[in-house]
Amino acid sequence: MAKLSCLFPLYCHDRAVAHIFLSLCQQRSESGINTRMVVPNCDRSCRPPNLVEAVPPLLKWLYYRRSEAPKAMAEKRFLQDVKDFDALYLWPHVSLATFRKVKKYDKTIFMERINCYTGKAKDILDDAYSRLGVQPQHRITDEMIQGEDEEISLADFIFCPSPEVRKSYLESGVPDRKLISTSYGWSPKRFPNISPNKLVSETVTVLFVGSICVRKGAHLLLRAWEKSGIKGRLMLCGQMEPIVAEICKDILDRSDVIYQKYTPDIAFAYGEADIFAFPSLEEGSPLVTYEAMAHSLPILTSPMGGGGIVRDGTDGIVVSPEDEEALVASLQKLAGCAQLRARMGAAARQQAEEFTWEKVARRRAGLVLERLDARSNKALKAI
């Protein structure tokens, strides 16, 4: 059985990127891979048996007084027994110094990329803010891009969770042989009360979940909603970027636009909705899209927001987020036909069933084993 050591250098809880990490790397004996996870610390409520905490729980109060100390401890612990594993799996925010040290062991290195190539993301966001007539308000620097370039050169394989992510790395010059096309997923345990049949409501509710920011195209959705003339409501759930609040103030003040900064029960929001709209400009493979599909919602999204899971014309409608006319027309089309929503919602639910974390993790394990077997066979032929 292959042995894989995984490094996640941030505090581990069952949310956001940490949720993805836990969902993909928890021990599954039937996968053919013996997986070990190294993290600084993990919430007790979601701590799997194959996880190693680098910071002693009783000393967390001491180490977390310095922001970089927990990460440094995790990387140090990870490096202690690298030689005992067949392959290594590095997640975002691992230091470049650790990448360099790991490379010396001649182990197969897998790297997880959550979003697009950093240089591509910067270009997209620079353009988006320029269109709004404001200075870019992201944190991507040239140093970050250079750092990622070196990480790419050191890694053997890069997991790309959507076609758009893969495309961004190909365009940056990364060899196709390094890129592994895959996906993310969703957790049925998070939503135990999903109804398989979506009831038709009299008032159409369009839902957006996530950071309400320029990167995710929230301002584009708000403008399209205003022009659509739909008699219904637009519900936004998430933290709002100040520039969006500023440039869309008049739209946000409308009575048919509902903004919820914090939504403790996101399942309720999915249940209230009739359409899920997510015209993101830059993404990886957003979990909210998988979750919305699991709730039998037709999806109106961009190629980025679709994450490779949404089938245009089947599960929803995929349009360019910057094509305002197409965005408006698609909103009107979905809002105006309950039968279309029902048909697409049912297809979306069926599609989501193939992307539960259990199935996605099993496919991931197969992809890892394929690469390890190929490398082993290549080494044998060289003898």
Protein backbone atom coordinates (compact mmCIF):
# COMPACT_ATOMS: atom_id res chain seq x y z
CA MET A 1 0.00 0.00 0.00
CA ALA A 2 1.36 3.44 -0.96
CA LYS A 3 2.17 5.87 1.83
CA LEU A 4 1.25 9.54 1.36
CA SER A 5 2.12 12.36 3.77
CA CYS A 6 -0.03 15.51 3.50
CA LEU A 7 0.94 18.95 4.85
CA PHE A 8 -1.69 21.59 5.60
CA PRO A 9 0.12 24.51 7.29
CA LEU A 10 -2.92 26.32 8.70
CA TYR A 11 -5.22 25.66 11.65
CA CYS A 12 -7.58 22.89 10.62
CA HIS A 13 -11.34 23.19 11.07
CA ASP A 14 -14.19 21.82 9.01
CA ARG A 15 -14.72 24.99 6.95
CA ALA A 16 -13.49 26.52 3.70
CA VAL A 17 -10.11 25.19 2.46
CA ALA A 18 -9.59 23.12 5.62
CA HIS A 19 -12.89 21.39 4.89
CA ILE A 20 -11.56 20.46 1.43
CA PHE A 21 -8.32 19.17 2.94
CA LEU A 22 -10.06 16.99 5.52
CA SER A 23 -12.57 15.70 2.99
CA LEU A 24 -9.87 14.61 0.55
CA CYS A 25 -7.24 13.31 2.96
CA GLN A 26 -9.09 11.48 5.72
CA GLN A 27 -8.05 7.84 6.02
CA ARG A 28 -9.85 5.47 3.66
CA SER A 29 -8.36 1.99 3.80
CA GLU A 30 -10.12 0.89 0.61
CA SER A 31 -8.34 3.56 -1.43
CA GLY A 32 -5.04 1.69 -1.58
CA ILE A 33 -3.21 4.61 0.03
CA ASN A 34 -2.11 4.97 3.64
CA THR A 35 -2.56 8.70 4.20
CA ARG A 36 -1.08 10.75 7.03
CA MET A 37 -2.03 14.41 7.62
CA VAL A 38 0.16 16.98 9.38
CA VAL A 39 -1.38 20.24 10.60
CA PRO A 40 -0.53 22.82 13.28
CA ASN A 41 -3.76 21.99 15.16
CA CYS A 42 -7.27 20.74 14.48
CA ASP A 43 -10.69 21.26 16.02
CA ARG A 44 -11.54 18.33 18.25
CA SER A 45 -14.93 17.98 16.58
CA CYS A 46 -13.41 16.97 13.25
CA ARG A 47 -10.11 15.32 14.18
CA PRO A 48 -9.61 12.10 12.13
CA PRO A 49 -7.40 9.25 13.41
CA ASN A 50 -4.74 9.72 10.73
CA LEU A 51 -4.00 13.33 11.67
CA VAL A 52 -0.91 14.59 13.51
CA GLU A 53 -1.00 17.91 15.38
CA ALA A 54 2.41 19.57 15.42
CA VAL A 55 1.63 21.97 18.27
CA PRO A 56 0.91 20.25 21.60
CA PRO A 57 -2.70 21.16 22.49
CA LEU A 58 -1.71 22.28 25.98
CA LEU A 59 0.83 24.73 24.51
CA LYS A 60 -1.40 26.29 21.85
CA TRP A 61 -1.74 29.46 23.92
CA LEU A 62 2.05 29.92 23.72
CA TYR A 63 2.68 29.10 20.05
CA TYR A 64 -0.26 31.08 18.70
CA ARG A 65 1.10 34.28 20.23
CA ARG A 66 3.39 34.42 17.18
CA SER A 67 1.53 34.14 13.89
CA GLU A 68 4.16 32.08 12.02
CA ALA A 69 5.04 29.72 14.89
CA PRO A 70 2.25 27.12 14.36
CA LYS A 71 3.00 26.89 10.63
CA ALA A 72 6.73 26.50 11.32
CA MET A 73 5.99 23.71 13.80
CA ALA A 74 3.81 21.86 11.28
CA GLU A 75 6.46 22.08 8.58
CA LYS A 76 9.17 20.93 10.99
CA ARG A 77 7.07 17.93 12.04
CA PHE A 78 6.31 17.08 8.42
CA LEU A 79 9.99 17.08 7.50
CA GLN A 80 10.96 14.73 10.34
CA ASP A 81 9.89 11.55 8.55
CA VAL A 82 9.65 12.46 4.87
CA LYS A 83 11.89 9.51 4.03
CA ASP A 84 9.25 7.06 5.31
CA PHE A 85 6.68 8.00 2.64
CA ASP A 86 6.32 7.25 -1.04
CA ALA A 87 4.86 10.62 -1.94
CA LEU A 88 4.20 14.04 -0.44
CA TYR A 89 1.12 16.23 -0.81
CA LEU A 90 1.65 19.96 -0.20
CA TRP A 91 -1.22 22.41 0.27
CA PRO A 92 -1.27 26.20 -0.24
CA HIS A 93 0.77 28.39 2.13
CA VAL A 94 3.54 25.84 2.64
CA SER A 95 6.75 27.88 2.75
CA LEU A 96 9.10 27.93 -0.22
CA ALA A 97 11.89 26.84 2.10
CA THR A 98 10.00 23.62 2.90
CA PHE A 99 9.35 23.01 -0.80
CA ARG A 100 13.09 23.24 -1.41
CA LYS A 101 13.92 20.89 1.47
CA VAL A 102 11.35 18.33 0.38
CA LYS A 103 12.71 18.26 -3.17
CA LYS A 104 16.05 16.93 -1.93
CA TYR A 105 14.43 13.66 -0.83
CA ASP A 106 13.56 12.60 -4.38
CA LYS A 107 9.96 11.86 -3.46
CA THR A 108 6.97 12.39 -5.76
CA ILE A 109 5.48 15.77 -4.87
CA PHE A 110 1.79 16.50 -5.41
CA MET A 111 0.63 20.09 -5.02
CA GLU A 112 -2.93 21.34 -4.46
CA ARG A 113 -4.02 24.53 -6.21
CA ILE A 114 -7.30 25.95 -4.94
CA ASN A 115 -7.68 28.70 -7.54
CA CYS A 116 -6.21 29.79 -10.86
CA TYR A 117 -2.55 30.50 -11.49
CA THR A 118 -1.72 33.55 -9.37
CA GLY A 119 -0.50 35.59 -12.34
CA LYS A 120 -3.75 34.89 -14.19
CA ALA A 121 -5.80 35.82 -11.13
CA LYS A 122 -3.94 39.12 -10.86
CA ASP A 123 -4.60 39.95 -14.50
CA ILE A 124 -8.32 39.19 -14.14
CA LEU A 125 -8.69 41.26 -10.99
CA ASP A 126 -6.59 44.17 -12.25
CA ASP A 127 -8.88 44.35 -15.28
CA ALA A 128 -12.06 44.08 -13.18
CA TYR A 129 -11.09 46.92 -10.86
CA SER A 130 -9.89 48.99 -13.81
CA ARG A 131 -13.35 48.68 -15.37
CA LEU A 132 -14.77 50.13 -12.18
CA GLY A 133 -12.32 53.03 -12.29
CA VAL A 134 -10.63 52.16 -8.99
CA GLN A 135 -7.23 50.90 -7.89
CA PRO A 136 -6.91 47.10 -7.62
CA GLN A 137 -7.95 45.99 -4.15
CA HIS A 138 -6.42 42.54 -4.04
CA ARG A 139 -3.25 41.35 -2.30
CA ILE A 140 -1.51 39.56 -5.14
CA THR A 141 2.11 40.71 -5.56
CA ASP A 142 4.86 39.96 -8.06
CA GLU A 143 6.72 38.17 -5.25
CA MET A 144 3.78 35.83 -4.75
CA ILE A 145 3.73 35.01 -8.46
CA GLN A 146 7.48 34.35 -8.49
CA GLY A 147 7.12 32.14 -5.42
CA GLU A 148 4.40 30.09 -7.06
CA ASP A 149 6.51 29.73 -10.20
CA GLU A 150 9.28 28.13 -8.14
CA GLU A 151 6.80 25.85 -6.34
CA ILE A 152 5.50 24.70 -9.71
CA SER A 153 9.04 23.94 -10.87
CA LEU A 154 9.66 21.83 -7.74
CA ALA A 155 6.39 19.89 -7.84
CA ASP A 156 5.90 16.77 -9.93
CA PHE A 157 2.12 17.07 -10.22
CA ILE A 158 -0.46 19.80 -9.65
CA PHE A 159 -4.09 19.06 -8.86
CA CYS A 160 -6.38 21.39 -10.84
CA PRO A 161 -9.96 21.30 -9.45
CA SER A 162 -11.59 22.69 -12.60
CA PRO A 163 -10.98 23.14 -16.34
CA GLU A 164 -10.45 26.88 -15.86
CA VAL A 165 -7.73 26.27 -13.29
CA ARG A 166 -6.00 23.82 -15.60
CA LYS A 167 -6.29 26.29 -18.48
CA SER A 168 -4.69 29.06 -16.43
CA TYR A 169 -1.64 26.90 -15.70
CA LEU A 170 -1.29 25.75 -19.30
CA GLU A 171 -1.40 29.39 -20.43
CA SER A 172 1.36 30.21 -17.94
CA GLY A 173 3.62 27.61 -19.52
CA VAL A 174 3.23 24.69 -17.11
CA PRO A 175 3.72 21.38 -18.98
CA ASP A 176 0.52 19.42 -19.50
CA ARG A 177 2.11 16.29 -17.98
CA LYS A 178 2.26 18.02 -14.59
CA LEU A 179 -1.44 18.91 -14.46
CA ILE A 180 -4.04 16.53 -13.01
CA SER A 181 -7.66 17.39 -13.79
CA THR A 182 -9.95 16.73 -10.85
CA SER A 183 -12.81 18.33 -8.91
CA TYR A 184 -14.05 19.23 -5.48
CA GLY A 185 -17.25 18.00 -3.88
CA TRP A 186 -19.89 18.42 -1.20
CA SER A 187 -20.80 16.74 2.06
CA PRO A 188 -24.24 15.12 2.48
CA LYS A 189 -23.57 15.13 6.24
CA ARG A 190 -23.65 18.93 6.20
CA PHE A 191 -27.15 18.87 4.71
CA PRO A 192 -29.01 15.89 6.18
CA ASN A 193 -32.46 17.38 5.49
CA ILE A 194 -32.24 18.14 1.77
CA SER A 195 -35.53 17.52 0.05
CA PRO A 196 -35.08 15.61 -3.24
CA ASN A 197 -37.98 17.51 -4.79
CA LYS A 198 -37.80 21.30 -5.07
CA LEU A 199 -41.21 22.91 -4.54
CA VAL A 200 -42.31 25.61 -6.98
CA SER A 201 -42.76 28.97 -5.25
CA GLU A 202 -44.86 31.90 -6.37
CA THR A 203 -42.10 34.45 -5.78
CA VAL A 204 -38.78 33.75 -7.46
CA THR A 205 -35.74 34.00 -5.19
CA VAL A 206 -32.28 34.27 -6.71
CA LEU A 207 -29.48 33.33 -4.30
CA PHE A 208 -25.80 34.30 -4.16
CA VAL A 209 -23.58 32.71 -1.48
CA GLY A 210 -19.98 33.66 -0.79
CA SER A 211 -17.84 36.76 -0.46
CA ILE A 212 -19.85 39.57 -2.04
CA CYS A 213 -16.89 41.00 -3.89
CA VAL A 214 -15.57 42.06 -7.27
CA ARG A 215 -13.66 38.78 -7.70
CA LYS A 216 -16.88 36.78 -7.48
CA GLY A 217 -18.81 39.11 -9.78
CA ALA A 218 -21.30 40.24 -7.15
CA HIS A 219 -21.45 43.75 -8.61
CA LEU A 220 -22.24 42.27 -12.04
CA LEU A 221 -25.10 40.24 -10.59
CA LEU A 222 -26.52 43.24 -8.77
CA ARG A 223 -26.51 45.33 -11.94
CA ALA A 224 -28.08 42.51 -13.95
CA TRP A 225 -30.76 42.07 -11.30
CA GLU A 226 -31.64 45.76 -11.47
CA LYS A 227 -32.01 45.60 -15.27
CA SER A 228 -33.88 42.29 -15.34
CA GLY A 229 -37.14 43.69 -13.97
CA ILE A 230 -37.89 40.34 -12.31
CA LYS A 231 -40.68 40.40 -9.75
CA GLY A 232 -38.98 38.47 -7.01
CA ARG A 233 -36.01 38.93 -4.72
CA LEU A 234 -32.25 38.68 -4.81
CA MET A 235 -30.69 37.22 -1.66
CA LEU A 236 -26.99 37.80 -0.94
CA CYS A 237 -25.30 35.81 1.83
CA GLY A 238 -21.73 36.65 2.83
CA GLN A 239 -19.24 39.34 3.78
CA MET A 240 -19.42 42.38 1.47
CA GLU A 241 -16.39 44.08 -0.03
CA PRO A 242 -16.55 47.86 0.66
CA ILE A 243 -16.19 48.80 -3.02
CA VAL A 244 -19.25 46.69 -3.90
CA ALA A 245 -21.25 48.35 -1.12
CA GLU A 246 -20.18 51.73 -2.48
CA ILE A 247 -20.78 51.31 -6.20
CA CYS A 248 -23.99 49.29 -5.78
CA LYS A 249 -25.49 51.27 -2.90
CA ASP A 250 -28.70 52.21 -4.74
CA ILE A 251 -29.33 48.63 -5.81
CA LEU A 252 -28.59 47.25 -2.34
CA ASP A 253 -31.13 49.70 -0.91
CA ARG A 254 -33.93 48.21 -3.02
CA SER A 255 -36.66 46.35 -1.17
CA ASP A 256 -36.24 43.28 -3.40
CA VAL A 257 -32.54 42.88 -2.49
CA ILE A 258 -31.87 41.04 0.77
CA TYR A 259 -28.40 41.10 2.29
CA GLN A 260 -27.38 38.79 5.09
CA LYS A 261 -23.85 39.30 6.36
CA TYR A 262 -23.92 36.13 8.42
CA THR A 263 -26.07 33.08 7.75
CA PRO A 264 -25.71 30.40 10.45
CA ASP A 265 -28.01 28.02 8.57
CA ILE A 266 -26.95 28.15 4.94
CA ALA A 267 -29.14 25.14 4.21
CA PHE A 268 -32.15 27.36 4.92
CA ALA A 269 -30.96 29.86 2.28
CA TYR A 270 -30.53 27.10 -0.31
CA GLY A 271 -33.98 25.82 0.59
CA GLU A 272 -35.54 29.27 0.13
CA ALA A 273 -33.97 29.81 -3.29
CA ASP A 274 -35.27 29.01 -6.77
CA ILE A 275 -32.12 29.94 -8.70
CA PHE A 276 -28.47 30.03 -7.69
CA ALA A 277 -26.51 32.83 -9.40
CA PHE A 278 -22.73 32.97 -9.23
CA PRO A 279 -21.09 34.99 -12.07
CA SER A 280 -17.57 34.73 -10.64
CA LEU A 281 -14.61 36.25 -12.46
CA GLU A 282 -11.92 34.10 -10.83
CA GLU A 283 -12.37 30.81 -8.97
CA GLY A 284 -11.16 27.30 -8.50
CA SER A 285 -14.13 24.99 -8.12
CA PRO A 286 -16.46 26.75 -5.63
CA LEU A 287 -18.08 24.51 -3.04
CA VAL A 288 -21.22 26.66 -3.03
CA THR A 289 -21.93 25.58 -6.60
CA TYR A 290 -21.82 21.90 -5.62
CA GLU A 291 -24.02 22.59 -2.58
CA ALA A 292 -26.58 24.57 -4.58
CA MET A 293 -26.82 21.77 -7.12
CA ALA A 294 -27.29 19.26 -4.31
CA HIS A 295 -30.30 21.37 -3.27
CA SER A 296 -31.83 20.97 -6.76
CA LEU A 297 -31.20 24.57 -7.78
CA PRO A 298 -30.68 25.52 -11.42
CA ILE A 299 -27.38 27.37 -11.74
CA LEU A 300 -26.68 30.65 -13.50
CA THR A 301 -22.94 31.02 -13.52
CA SER A 302 -19.73 31.84 -15.37
CA PRO A 303 -17.18 29.31 -16.63
CA MET A 304 -15.17 30.03 -13.47
CA GLY A 305 -18.16 29.78 -11.13
CA GLY A 306 -19.33 26.57 -12.78
CA GLY A 307 -16.17 24.87 -11.57
CA GLY A 308 -16.34 22.23 -14.28
CA ILE A 309 -19.41 20.61 -12.74
CA VAL A 310 -22.24 22.72 -14.25
CA ARG A 311 -23.34 21.55 -17.68
CA ASP A 312 -24.58 24.47 -19.77
CA GLY A 313 -28.17 23.92 -20.85
CA THR A 314 -28.57 20.89 -18.57
CA ASP A 315 -27.94 21.93 -14.96
CA GLY A 316 -28.21 25.63 -15.66
CA ILE A 317 -26.87 28.39 -17.86
CA VAL A 318 -23.18 29.30 -18.22
CA VAL A 319 -22.44 32.79 -19.56
CA SER A 320 -19.59 35.25 -19.64
CA PRO A 321 -19.92 37.30 -16.44
CA GLU A 322 -19.04 40.48 -18.32
CA ASP A 323 -21.78 39.96 -20.93
CA GLU A 324 -24.46 41.94 -19.13
CA GLU A 325 -27.12 41.32 -21.77
CA ALA A 326 -26.61 37.55 -21.53
CA LEU A 327 -26.67 37.69 -17.74
CA VAL A 328 -29.92 39.68 -17.72
CA ALA A 329 -31.54 37.47 -20.35
CA SER A 330 -30.53 34.31 -18.48
CA LEU A 331 -32.00 35.61 -15.23
CA GLN A 332 -35.23 36.43 -17.03
CA LYS A 333 -35.30 33.05 -18.76
CA LEU A 334 -34.93 31.08 -15.54
CA ALA A 335 -37.25 33.31 -13.54
CA GLY A 336 -39.93 33.15 -16.22
CA CYS A 337 -40.22 29.38 -16.54
CA ALA A 338 -40.91 27.14 -13.55
CA GLN A 339 -40.72 24.02 -15.73
CA LEU A 340 -37.23 24.95 -16.92
CA ARG A 341 -36.11 25.55 -13.35
CA ALA A 342 -37.54 22.22 -12.25
CA ARG A 343 -35.91 20.32 -15.11
CA MET A 344 -32.50 21.92 -14.62
CA GLY A 345 -32.73 21.63 -10.84
CA ALA A 346 -33.43 17.91 -11.06
CA ALA A 347 -30.49 17.43 -13.43
CA ALA A 348 -28.26 19.46 -11.11
CA ARG A 349 -29.21 17.27 -8.16
CA GLN A 350 -28.42 14.11 -10.14
CA GLN A 351 -25.08 15.56 -11.23
CA ALA A 352 -24.22 16.51 -7.63
CA GLU A 353 -24.70 12.89 -6.53
CA GLU A 354 -21.54 12.01 -8.46
CA PHE A 355 -19.53 14.61 -6.56
CA THR A 356 -19.98 13.71 -2.92
CA TRP A 357 -16.67 13.94 -1.08
CA GLU A 358 -16.56 10.16 -0.67
CA LYS A 359 -16.64 9.62 -4.43
CA VAL A 360 -14.30 12.52 -5.18
CA ALA A 361 -11.73 11.31 -2.61
CA ARG A 362 -11.85 7.82 -4.10
CA ARG A 363 -11.17 9.23 -7.56
CA ARG A 364 -8.33 11.35 -6.18
CA ALA A 365 -6.71 8.28 -4.64
CA GLY A 366 -6.87 6.56 -8.01
CA LEU A 367 -5.17 9.52 -9.69
CA VAL A 368 -2.37 9.47 -7.13
CA LEU A 369 -1.83 5.73 -7.55
CA GLU A 370 -1.76 6.06 -11.35
CA ARG A 371 1.08 8.59 -11.14
CA LEU A 372 3.01 6.61 -8.56
CA ASP A 373 2.68 3.40 -10.59
CA ALA A 374 3.80 5.16 -13.74
CA ARG A 375 6.84 6.61 -12.01
CA SER A 376 7.70 3.20 -10.49
CA ASN A 377 7.44 1.49 -13.89
CA LYS A 378 9.60 4.20 -15.46
CA ALA A 379 12.26 3.69 -12.78
CA LEU A 380 12.24 -0.08 -13.33
CA LYS A 381 12.73 0.33 -17.08
CA ALA A 382 15.70 2.59 -16.42
CA ILE A 383 17.47 -0.15 -14.47
